[in-house]
Amino acid sequence: ADGIYGSTFYLATGFHGFHVLIGALF
């Protein structure tokens, strides 16, 4: 909630972390 950097940071790194999890399961 701390502005555009915080929301962009959590969105982008969260999606990347999700893809890492999917890749690890793969």
mmCIF file of all heavy atoms, coordinates in Angstrom:
data_MODEL
# 
_entry.id   MODEL 
# 
loop_
_atom_site.group_PDB 
_atom_site.id 
_atom_site.type_symbol 
_atom_site.label_atom_id 
_atom_site.label_alt_id 
_atom_site.label_comp_id 
_atom_site.label_asym_id 
_atom_site.label_entity_id 
_atom_site.label_seq_id 
_atom_site.pdbx_PDB_ins_code 
_atom_site.Cartn_x 
_atom_site.Cartn_y 
_atom_site.Cartn_z 
_atom_site.occupancy 
_atom_site.B_iso_or_equiv 
_atom_site.pdbx_formal_charge 
_atom_site.auth_seq_id 
_atom_site.auth_comp_id 
_atom_site.auth_asym_id 
_atom_site.auth_atom_id 
_atom_site.pdbx_PDB_model_num 
ATOM 1   N N   . ALA A 1 1  ? 0.805  -1.222  0.000   1.00 0.00 ? 1  ALA A N   1 
ATOM 2   C CA  . ALA A 1 1  ? 0.000  0.000   0.000   1.00 0.00 ? 1  ALA A CA  1 
ATOM 3   C C   . ALA A 1 1  ? 0.839  1.274   0.000   1.00 0.00 ? 1  ALA A C   1 
ATOM 4   O O   . ALA A 1 1  ? 0.286  2.367   0.087   1.00 0.00 ? 1  ALA A O   1 
ATOM 5   C CB  . ALA A 1 1  ? -0.919 -0.002  1.216   1.00 0.00 ? 1  ALA A CB  1 
ATOM 6   N N   . ASP A 1 2  ? 2.159  1.159   -0.107  1.00 0.00 ? 2  ASP A N   1 
ATOM 7   C CA  . ASP A 1 2  ? 3.044  2.327   -0.030  1.00 0.00 ? 2  ASP A CA  1 
ATOM 8   C C   . ASP A 1 2  ? 3.342  2.960   -1.385  1.00 0.00 ? 2  ASP A C   1 
ATOM 9   O O   . ASP A 1 2  ? 4.437  3.455   -1.614  1.00 0.00 ? 2  ASP A O   1 
ATOM 10  C CB  . ASP A 1 2  ? 4.365  1.940   0.642   1.00 0.00 ? 2  ASP A CB  1 
ATOM 11  C CG  . ASP A 1 2  ? 4.221  1.768   2.130   1.00 0.00 ? 2  ASP A CG  1 
ATOM 12  O OD1 . ASP A 1 2  ? 3.209  2.236   2.680   1.00 0.00 ? 2  ASP A OD1 1 
ATOM 13  O OD2 . ASP A 1 2  ? 5.119  1.163   2.742   1.00 0.00 ? 2  ASP A OD2 1 
ATOM 14  N N   . GLY A 1 3  ? 2.406  2.957   -2.265  1.00 0.00 ? 3  GLY A N   1 
ATOM 15  C CA  . GLY A 1 3  ? 2.599  3.628   -3.540  1.00 0.00 ? 3  GLY A CA  1 
ATOM 16  C C   . GLY A 1 3  ? 2.889  2.667   -4.667  1.00 0.00 ? 3  GLY A C   1 
ATOM 17  O O   . GLY A 1 3  ? 2.772  1.445   -4.544  1.00 0.00 ? 3  GLY A O   1 
ATOM 18  N N   . ILE A 1 4  ? 3.295  3.251   -5.780  1.00 0.00 ? 4  ILE A N   1 
ATOM 19  C CA  . ILE A 1 4  ? 3.488  2.469   -6.995  1.00 0.00 ? 4  ILE A CA  1 
ATOM 20  C C   . ILE A 1 4  ? 4.662  1.496   -6.878  1.00 0.00 ? 4  ILE A C   1 
ATOM 21  O O   . ILE A 1 4  ? 4.600  0.384   -7.399  1.00 0.00 ? 4  ILE A O   1 
ATOM 22  C CB  . ILE A 1 4  ? 3.636  3.400   -8.227  1.00 0.00 ? 4  ILE A CB  1 
ATOM 23  C CG1 . ILE A 1 4  ? 3.548  2.615   -9.523  1.00 0.00 ? 4  ILE A CG1 1 
ATOM 24  C CG2 . ILE A 1 4  ? 4.933  4.179   -8.168  1.00 0.00 ? 4  ILE A CG2 1 
ATOM 25  C CD1 . ILE A 1 4  ? 2.197  2.076   -9.819  1.00 0.00 ? 4  ILE A CD1 1 
ATOM 26  N N   . TYR A 1 5  ? 5.735  1.875   -6.194  1.00 0.00 ? 5  TYR A N   1 
ATOM 27  C CA  . TYR A 1 5  ? 6.876  0.960   -6.079  1.00 0.00 ? 5  TYR A CA  1 
ATOM 28  C C   . TYR A 1 5  ? 6.496  -0.278  -5.278  1.00 0.00 ? 5  TYR A C   1 
ATOM 29  O O   . TYR A 1 5  ? 6.803  -1.404  -5.685  1.00 0.00 ? 5  TYR A O   1 
ATOM 30  C CB  . TYR A 1 5  ? 8.088  1.636   -5.442  1.00 0.00 ? 5  TYR A CB  1 
ATOM 31  C CG  . TYR A 1 5  ? 9.276  0.713   -5.361  1.00 0.00 ? 5  TYR A CG  1 
ATOM 32  C CD1 . TYR A 1 5  ? 10.057 0.476   -6.485  1.00 0.00 ? 5  TYR A CD1 1 
ATOM 33  C CD2 . TYR A 1 5  ? 9.602  0.058   -4.178  1.00 0.00 ? 5  TYR A CD2 1 
ATOM 34  C CE1 . TYR A 1 5  ? 11.136 -0.387  -6.441  1.00 0.00 ? 5  TYR A CE1 1 
ATOM 35  C CE2 . TYR A 1 5  ? 10.680 -0.806  -4.117  1.00 0.00 ? 5  TYR A CE2 1 
ATOM 36  C CZ  . TYR A 1 5  ? 11.433 -1.027  -5.251  1.00 0.00 ? 5  TYR A CZ  1 
ATOM 37  O OH  . TYR A 1 5  ? 12.494 -1.885  -5.200  1.00 0.00 ? 5  TYR A OH  1 
ATOM 38  N N   . GLY A 1 6  ? 5.826  -0.094  -4.149  1.00 0.00 ? 6  GLY A N   1 
ATOM 39  C CA  . GLY A 1 6  ? 5.440  -1.232  -3.324  1.00 0.00 ? 6  GLY A CA  1 
ATOM 40  C C   . GLY A 1 6  ? 4.492  -2.169  -4.041  1.00 0.00 ? 6  GLY A C   1 
ATOM 41  O O   . GLY A 1 6  ? 4.667  -3.398  -4.020  1.00 0.00 ? 6  GLY A O   1 
ATOM 42  N N   . SER A 1 7  ? 3.495  -1.611  -4.700  1.00 0.00 ? 7  SER A N   1 
ATOM 43  C CA  . SER A 1 7  ? 2.536  -2.473  -5.397  1.00 0.00 ? 7  SER A CA  1 
ATOM 44  C C   . SER A 1 7  ? 3.181  -3.171  -6.592  1.00 0.00 ? 7  SER A C   1 
ATOM 45  O O   . SER A 1 7  ? 2.932  -4.349  -6.831  1.00 0.00 ? 7  SER A O   1 
ATOM 46  C CB  . SER A 1 7  ? 1.310  -1.674  -5.825  1.00 0.00 ? 7  SER A CB  1 
ATOM 47  O OG  . SER A 1 7  ? 1.670  -0.626  -6.674  1.00 0.00 ? 7  SER A OG  1 
ATOM 48  N N   . THR A 1 8  ? 4.032  -2.458  -7.318  1.00 0.00 ? 8  THR A N   1 
ATOM 49  C CA  . THR A 1 8  ? 4.726  -3.087  -8.445  1.00 0.00 ? 8  THR A CA  1 
ATOM 50  C C   . THR A 1 8  ? 5.691  -4.158  -7.965  1.00 0.00 ? 8  THR A C   1 
ATOM 51  O O   . THR A 1 8  ? 5.784  -5.238  -8.560  1.00 0.00 ? 8  THR A O   1 
ATOM 52  C CB  . THR A 1 8  ? 5.487  -2.021  -9.259  1.00 0.00 ? 8  THR A CB  1 
ATOM 53  O OG1 . THR A 1 8  ? 4.568  -1.030  -9.687  1.00 0.00 ? 8  THR A OG1 1 
ATOM 54  C CG2 . THR A 1 8  ? 6.186  -2.629  -10.451 1.00 0.00 ? 8  THR A CG2 1 
ATOM 55  N N   . PHE A 1 9  ? 6.405  -3.868  -6.888  1.00 0.00 ? 9  PHE A N   1 
ATOM 56  C CA  . PHE A 1 9  ? 7.360  -4.826  -6.342  1.00 0.00 ? 9  PHE A CA  1 
ATOM 57  C C   . PHE A 1 9  ? 6.667  -6.128  -5.944  1.00 0.00 ? 9  PHE A C   1 
ATOM 58  O O   . PHE A 1 9  ? 7.075  -7.216  -6.356  1.00 0.00 ? 9  PHE A O   1 
ATOM 59  C CB  . PHE A 1 9  ? 8.065  -4.221  -5.123  1.00 0.00 ? 9  PHE A CB  1 
ATOM 60  C CG  . PHE A 1 9  ? 8.943  -5.190  -4.391  1.00 0.00 ? 9  PHE A CG  1 
ATOM 61  C CD1 . PHE A 1 9  ? 10.221 -5.444  -4.848  1.00 0.00 ? 9  PHE A CD1 1 
ATOM 62  C CD2 . PHE A 1 9  ? 8.492  -5.846  -3.262  1.00 0.00 ? 9  PHE A CD2 1 
ATOM 63  C CE1 . PHE A 1 9  ? 11.044 -6.344  -4.184  1.00 0.00 ? 9  PHE A CE1 1 
ATOM 64  C CE2 . PHE A 1 9  ? 9.296  -6.743  -2.590  1.00 0.00 ? 9  PHE A CE2 1 
ATOM 65  C CZ  . PHE A 1 9  ? 10.578 -6.996  -3.050  1.00 0.00 ? 9  PHE A CZ  1 
ATOM 66  N N   . TYR A 1 10 ? 5.614  -6.015  -5.148  1.00 0.00 ? 10 TYR A N   1 
ATOM 67  C CA  . TYR A 1 10 ? 4.939  -7.223  -4.677  1.00 0.00 ? 10 TYR A CA  1 
ATOM 68  C C   . TYR A 1 10 ? 4.216  -7.960  -5.797  1.00 0.00 ? 10 TYR A C   1 
ATOM 69  O O   . TYR A 1 10 ? 4.196  -9.193  -5.814  1.00 0.00 ? 10 TYR A O   1 
ATOM 70  C CB  . TYR A 1 10 ? 3.979  -6.893  -3.534  1.00 0.00 ? 10 TYR A CB  1 
ATOM 71  C CG  . TYR A 1 10 ? 4.696  -6.660  -2.232  1.00 0.00 ? 10 TYR A CG  1 
ATOM 72  C CD1 . TYR A 1 10 ? 4.847  -5.379  -1.719  1.00 0.00 ? 10 TYR A CD1 1 
ATOM 73  C CD2 . TYR A 1 10 ? 5.248  -7.714  -1.530  1.00 0.00 ? 10 TYR A CD2 1 
ATOM 74  C CE1 . TYR A 1 10 ? 5.514  -5.159  -0.529  1.00 0.00 ? 10 TYR A CE1 1 
ATOM 75  C CE2 . TYR A 1 10 ? 5.923  -7.510  -0.340  1.00 0.00 ? 10 TYR A CE2 1 
ATOM 76  C CZ  . TYR A 1 10 ? 6.046  -6.227  0.146   1.00 0.00 ? 10 TYR A CZ  1 
ATOM 77  O OH  . TYR A 1 10 ? 6.727  -6.024  1.320   1.00 0.00 ? 10 TYR A OH  1 
ATOM 78  N N   . LEU A 1 11 ? 3.648  -7.240  -6.744  1.00 0.00 ? 11 LEU A N   1 
ATOM 79  C CA  . LEU A 1 11 ? 2.978  -7.889  -7.863  1.00 0.00 ? 11 LEU A CA  1 
ATOM 80  C C   . LEU A 1 11 ? 3.980  -8.655  -8.722  1.00 0.00 ? 11 LEU A C   1 
ATOM 81  O O   . LEU A 1 11 ? 3.789  -9.840  -9.007  1.00 0.00 ? 11 LEU A O   1 
ATOM 82  C CB  . LEU A 1 11 ? 2.237  -6.861  -8.721  1.00 0.00 ? 11 LEU A CB  1 
ATOM 83  C CG  . LEU A 1 11 ? 1.558  -7.431  -9.953  1.00 0.00 ? 11 LEU A CG  1 
ATOM 84  C CD1 . LEU A 1 11 ? 0.280  -8.150  -9.551  1.00 0.00 ? 11 LEU A CD1 1 
ATOM 85  C CD2 . LEU A 1 11 ? 1.274  -6.344  -10.955 1.00 0.00 ? 11 LEU A CD2 1 
ATOM 86  N N   . ALA A 1 12 ? 5.056  -7.988  -9.129  1.00 0.00 ? 12 ALA A N   1 
ATOM 87  C CA  . ALA A 1 12 ? 6.027  -8.609  -10.035 1.00 0.00 ? 12 ALA A CA  1 
ATOM 88  C C   . ALA A 1 12 ? 6.780  -9.753  -9.358  1.00 0.00 ? 12 ALA A C   1 
ATOM 89  O O   . ALA A 1 12 ? 6.913  -10.841 -9.931  1.00 0.00 ? 12 ALA A O   1 
ATOM 90  C CB  . ALA A 1 12 ? 7.005  -7.561  -10.544 1.00 0.00 ? 12 ALA A CB  1 
ATOM 91  N N   . THR A 1 13 ? 7.278  -9.527  -8.151  1.00 0.00 ? 13 THR A N   1 
ATOM 92  C CA  . THR A 1 13 ? 8.033  -10.599 -7.483  1.00 0.00 ? 13 THR A CA  1 
ATOM 93  C C   . THR A 1 13 ? 7.113  -11.716 -7.015  1.00 0.00 ? 13 THR A C   1 
ATOM 94  O O   . THR A 1 13 ? 7.521  -12.877 -6.959  1.00 0.00 ? 13 THR A O   1 
ATOM 95  C CB  . THR A 1 13 ? 8.856  -10.047 -6.305  1.00 0.00 ? 13 THR A CB  1 
ATOM 96  O OG1 . THR A 1 13 ? 7.979  -9.424  -5.363  1.00 0.00 ? 13 THR A OG1 1 
ATOM 97  C CG2 . THR A 1 13 ? 9.908  -9.069  -6.787  1.00 0.00 ? 13 THR A CG2 1 
ATOM 98  N N   . GLY A 1 14 ? 5.870  -11.384 -6.697  1.00 0.00 ? 14 GLY A N   1 
ATOM 99  C CA  . GLY A 1 14 ? 4.918  -12.431 -6.314  1.00 0.00 ? 14 GLY A CA  1 
ATOM 100 C C   . GLY A 1 14 ? 4.580  -13.347 -7.476  1.00 0.00 ? 14 GLY A C   1 
ATOM 101 O O   . GLY A 1 14 ? 4.548  -14.568 -7.333  1.00 0.00 ? 14 GLY A O   1 
ATOM 102 N N   . PHE A 1 15 ? 4.341  -12.750 -8.655  1.00 0.00 ? 15 PHE A N   1 
ATOM 103 C CA  . PHE A 1 15 ? 4.099  -13.571 -9.840  1.00 0.00 ? 15 PHE A CA  1 
ATOM 104 C C   . PHE A 1 15 ? 5.322  -14.406 -10.186 1.00 0.00 ? 15 PHE A C   1 
ATOM 105 O O   . PHE A 1 15 ? 5.204  -15.567 -10.575 1.00 0.00 ? 15 PHE A O   1 
ATOM 106 C CB  . PHE A 1 15 ? 3.701  -12.707 -11.038 1.00 0.00 ? 15 PHE A CB  1 
ATOM 107 C CG  . PHE A 1 15 ? 2.234  -12.469 -11.136 1.00 0.00 ? 15 PHE A CG  1 
ATOM 108 C CD1 . PHE A 1 15 ? 1.743  -11.187 -11.255 1.00 0.00 ? 15 PHE A CD1 1 
ATOM 109 C CD2 . PHE A 1 15 ? 1.332  -13.522 -11.121 1.00 0.00 ? 15 PHE A CD2 1 
ATOM 110 C CE1 . PHE A 1 15 ? 0.388  -10.952 -11.361 1.00 0.00 ? 15 PHE A CE1 1 
ATOM 111 C CE2 . PHE A 1 15 ? -0.023 -13.306 -11.218 1.00 0.00 ? 15 PHE A CE2 1 
ATOM 112 C CZ  . PHE A 1 15 ? -0.508 -12.018 -11.335 1.00 0.00 ? 15 PHE A CZ  1 
ATOM 113 N N   . HIS A 1 16 ? 6.497  -13.812 -10.040 1.00 0.00 ? 16 HIS A N   1 
ATOM 114 C CA  . HIS A 1 16 ? 7.709  -14.579 -10.329 1.00 0.00 ? 16 HIS A CA  1 
ATOM 115 C C   . HIS A 1 16 ? 7.856  -15.740 -9.344  1.00 0.00 ? 16 HIS A C   1 
ATOM 116 O O   . HIS A 1 16 ? 8.183  -16.857 -9.748  1.00 0.00 ? 16 HIS A O   1 
ATOM 117 C CB  . HIS A 1 16 ? 8.945  -13.684 -10.279 1.00 0.00 ? 16 HIS A CB  1 
ATOM 118 C CG  . HIS A 1 16 ? 10.200 -14.443 -10.550 1.00 0.00 ? 16 HIS A CG  1 
ATOM 119 N ND1 . HIS A 1 16 ? 10.512 -14.940 -11.787 1.00 0.00 ? 16 HIS A ND1 1 
ATOM 120 C CD2 . HIS A 1 16 ? 11.213 -14.816 -9.737  1.00 0.00 ? 16 HIS A CD2 1 
ATOM 121 C CE1 . HIS A 1 16 ? 11.661 -15.578 -11.725 1.00 0.00 ? 16 HIS A CE1 1 
ATOM 122 N NE2 . HIS A 1 16 ? 12.103 -15.518 -10.495 1.00 0.00 ? 16 HIS A NE2 1 
ATOM 123 N N   . GLY A 1 17 ? 7.621  -15.483 -8.061  1.00 0.00 ? 17 GLY A N   1 
ATOM 124 C CA  . GLY A 1 17 ? 7.684  -16.557 -7.073  1.00 0.00 ? 17 GLY A CA  1 
ATOM 125 C C   . GLY A 1 17 ? 6.694  -17.663 -7.375  1.00 0.00 ? 17 GLY A C   1 
ATOM 126 O O   . GLY A 1 17 ? 6.993  -18.851 -7.213  1.00 0.00 ? 17 GLY A O   1 
ATOM 127 N N   . PHE A 1 18 ? 5.493  -17.290 -7.827  1.00 0.00 ? 18 PHE A N   1 
ATOM 128 C CA  . PHE A 1 18 ? 4.497  -18.295 -8.214  1.00 0.00 ? 18 PHE A CA  1 
ATOM 129 C C   . PHE A 1 18 ? 5.012  -19.135 -9.376  1.00 0.00 ? 18 PHE A C   1 
ATOM 130 O O   . PHE A 1 18 ? 4.868  -20.366 -9.382  1.00 0.00 ? 18 PHE A O   1 
ATOM 131 C CB  . PHE A 1 18 ? 3.184  -17.605 -8.579  1.00 0.00 ? 18 PHE A CB  1 
ATOM 132 C CG  . PHE A 1 18 ? 2.139  -18.544 -9.091  1.00 0.00 ? 18 PHE A CG  1 
ATOM 133 C CD1 . PHE A 1 18 ? 1.494  -19.415 -8.225  1.00 0.00 ? 18 PHE A CD1 1 
ATOM 134 C CD2 . PHE A 1 18 ? 1.803  -18.560 -10.430 1.00 0.00 ? 18 PHE A CD2 1 
ATOM 135 C CE1 . PHE A 1 18 ? 0.528  -20.287 -8.693  1.00 0.00 ? 18 PHE A CE1 1 
ATOM 136 C CE2 . PHE A 1 18 ? 0.835  -19.423 -10.905 1.00 0.00 ? 18 PHE A CE2 1 
ATOM 137 C CZ  . PHE A 1 18 ? 0.191  -20.295 -10.034 1.00 0.00 ? 18 PHE A CZ  1 
ATOM 138 N N   . HIS A 1 19 ? 5.641  -18.497 -10.359 1.00 0.00 ? 19 HIS A N   1 
ATOM 139 C CA  . HIS A 1 19 ? 6.180  -19.236 -11.494 1.00 0.00 ? 19 HIS A CA  1 
ATOM 140 C C   . HIS A 1 19 ? 7.358  -20.122 -11.088 1.00 0.00 ? 19 HIS A C   1 
ATOM 141 O O   . HIS A 1 19 ? 7.554  -21.201 -11.650 1.00 0.00 ? 19 HIS A O   1 
ATOM 142 C CB  . HIS A 1 19 ? 6.573  -18.280 -12.617 1.00 0.00 ? 19 HIS A CB  1 
ATOM 143 C CG  . HIS A 1 19 ? 5.398  -17.790 -13.385 1.00 0.00 ? 19 HIS A CG  1 
ATOM 144 N ND1 . HIS A 1 19 ? 4.739  -16.632 -13.050 1.00 0.00 ? 19 HIS A ND1 1 
ATOM 145 C CD2 . HIS A 1 19 ? 4.744  -18.301 -14.450 1.00 0.00 ? 19 HIS A CD2 1 
ATOM 146 C CE1 . HIS A 1 19 ? 3.734  -16.452 -13.895 1.00 0.00 ? 19 HIS A CE1 1 
ATOM 147 N NE2 . HIS A 1 19 ? 3.713  -17.459 -14.751 1.00 0.00 ? 19 HIS A NE2 1 
ATOM 148 N N   . VAL A 1 20 ? 8.149  -19.682 -10.121 1.00 0.00 ? 20 VAL A N   1 
ATOM 149 C CA  . VAL A 1 20 ? 9.226  -20.533 -9.603  1.00 0.00 ? 20 VAL A CA  1 
ATOM 150 C C   . VAL A 1 20 ? 8.617  -21.775 -8.946  1.00 0.00 ? 20 VAL A C   1 
ATOM 151 O O   . VAL A 1 20 ? 9.097  -22.895 -9.138  1.00 0.00 ? 20 VAL A O   1 
ATOM 152 C CB  . VAL A 1 20 ? 10.121 -19.763 -8.611  1.00 0.00 ? 20 VAL A CB  1 
ATOM 153 C CG1 . VAL A 1 20 ? 11.037 -20.699 -7.847  1.00 0.00 ? 20 VAL A CG1 1 
ATOM 154 C CG2 . VAL A 1 20 ? 10.941 -18.722 -9.350  1.00 0.00 ? 20 VAL A CG2 1 
ATOM 155 N N   . LEU A 1 21 ? 7.557  -21.587 -8.177  1.00 0.00 ? 21 LEU A N   1 
ATOM 156 C CA  . LEU A 1 21 ? 6.887  -22.725 -7.537  1.00 0.00 ? 21 LEU A CA  1 
ATOM 157 C C   . LEU A 1 21 ? 6.351  -23.697 -8.586  1.00 0.00 ? 21 LEU A C   1 
ATOM 158 O O   . LEU A 1 21 ? 6.544  -24.917 -8.470  1.00 0.00 ? 21 LEU A O   1 
ATOM 159 C CB  . LEU A 1 21 ? 5.755  -22.224 -6.639  1.00 0.00 ? 21 LEU A CB  1 
ATOM 160 C CG  . LEU A 1 21 ? 4.935  -23.296 -5.949  1.00 0.00 ? 21 LEU A CG  1 
ATOM 161 C CD1 . LEU A 1 21 ? 5.794  -24.088 -4.966  1.00 0.00 ? 21 LEU A CD1 1 
ATOM 162 C CD2 . LEU A 1 21 ? 3.750  -22.662 -5.237  1.00 0.00 ? 21 LEU A CD2 1 
ATOM 163 N N   . ILE A 1 22 ? 5.692  -23.187 -9.620  1.00 0.00 ? 22 ILE A N   1 
ATOM 164 C CA  . ILE A 1 22 ? 5.170  -24.045 -10.689 1.00 0.00 ? 22 ILE A CA  1 
ATOM 165 C C   . ILE A 1 22 ? 6.316  -24.764 -11.403 1.00 0.00 ? 22 ILE A C   1 
ATOM 166 O O   . ILE A 1 22 ? 6.239  -25.960 -11.680 1.00 0.00 ? 22 ILE A O   1 
ATOM 167 C CB  . ILE A 1 22 ? 4.331  -23.227 -11.689 1.00 0.00 ? 22 ILE A CB  1 
ATOM 168 C CG1 . ILE A 1 22 ? 3.106  -22.641 -10.994 1.00 0.00 ? 22 ILE A CG1 1 
ATOM 169 C CG2 . ILE A 1 22 ? 3.926  -24.061 -12.897 1.00 0.00 ? 22 ILE A CG2 1 
ATOM 170 C CD1 . ILE A 1 22 ? 2.180  -23.650 -10.381 1.00 0.00 ? 22 ILE A CD1 1 
ATOM 171 N N   . GLY A 1 23 ? 7.405  -24.042 -11.687 1.00 0.00 ? 23 GLY A N   1 
ATOM 172 C CA  . GLY A 1 23 ? 8.562  -24.664 -12.333 1.00 0.00 ? 23 GLY A CA  1 
ATOM 173 C C   . GLY A 1 23 ? 9.189  -25.746 -11.465 1.00 0.00 ? 23 GLY A C   1 
ATOM 174 O O   . GLY A 1 23 ? 9.614  -26.790 -11.974 1.00 0.00 ? 23 GLY A O   1 
ATOM 175 N N   . ALA A 1 24 ? 9.250  -25.504 -10.159 1.00 0.00 ? 24 ALA A N   1 
ATOM 176 C CA  . ALA A 1 24 ? 9.797  -26.518 -9.257  1.00 0.00 ? 24 ALA A CA  1 
ATOM 177 C C   . ALA A 1 24 ? 8.911  -27.766 -9.245  1.00 0.00 ? 24 ALA A C   1 
ATOM 178 O O   . ALA A 1 24 ? 9.419  -28.896 -9.249  1.00 0.00 ? 24 ALA A O   1 
ATOM 179 C CB  . ALA A 1 24 ? 9.931  -25.951 -7.854  1.00 0.00 ? 24 ALA A CB  1 
ATOM 180 N N   . LEU A 1 25 ? 7.604  -27.570 -9.262  1.00 0.00 ? 25 LEU A N   1 
ATOM 181 C CA  . LEU A 1 25 ? 6.694  -28.724 -9.334  1.00 0.00 ? 25 LEU A CA  1 
ATOM 182 C C   . LEU A 1 25 ? 6.837  -29.455 -10.660 1.00 0.00 ? 25 LEU A C   1 
ATOM 183 O O   . LEU A 1 25 ? 6.801  -30.686 -10.709 1.00 0.00 ? 25 LEU A O   1 
ATOM 184 C CB  . LEU A 1 25 ? 5.252  -28.267 -9.125  1.00 0.00 ? 25 LEU A CB  1 
ATOM 185 C CG  . LEU A 1 25 ? 4.910  -27.745 -7.745  1.00 0.00 ? 25 LEU A CG  1 
ATOM 186 C CD1 . LEU A 1 25 ? 3.492  -27.205 -7.709  1.00 0.00 ? 25 LEU A CD1 1 
ATOM 187 C CD2 . LEU A 1 25 ? 5.096  -28.832 -6.696  1.00 0.00 ? 25 LEU A CD2 1 
ATOM 188 N N   . PHE A 1 26 ? 7.025  -28.693 -11.721 1.00 0.00 ? 26 PHE A N   1 
ATOM 189 C CA  . PHE A 1 26 ? 7.240  -29.260 -13.049 1.00 0.00 ? 26 PHE A CA  1 
ATOM 190 C C   . PHE A 1 26 ? 8.489  -30.149 -13.049 1.00 0.00 ? 26 PHE A C   1 
ATOM 191 O O   . PHE A 1 26 ? 8.478  -31.280 -13.548 1.00 0.00 ? 26 PHE A O   1 
ATOM 192 C CB  . PHE A 1 26 ? 7.397  -28.112 -14.030 1.00 0.00 ? 26 PHE A CB  1 
ATOM 193 C CG  . PHE A 1 26 ? 7.043  -28.393 -15.462 1.00 0.00 ? 26 PHE A CG  1 
ATOM 194 C CD1 . PHE A 1 26 ? 7.003  -27.349 -16.370 1.00 0.00 ? 26 PHE A CD1 1 
ATOM 195 C CD2 . PHE A 1 26 ? 6.757  -29.658 -15.925 1.00 0.00 ? 26 PHE A CD2 1 
ATOM 196 C CE1 . PHE A 1 26 ? 6.692  -27.563 -17.693 1.00 0.00 ? 26 PHE A CE1 1 
ATOM 197 C CE2 . PHE A 1 26 ? 6.445  -29.895 -17.244 1.00 0.00 ? 26 PHE A CE2 1 
ATOM 198 C CZ  . PHE A 1 26 ? 6.408  -28.838 -18.127 1.00 0.00 ? 26 PHE A CZ  1 
# 
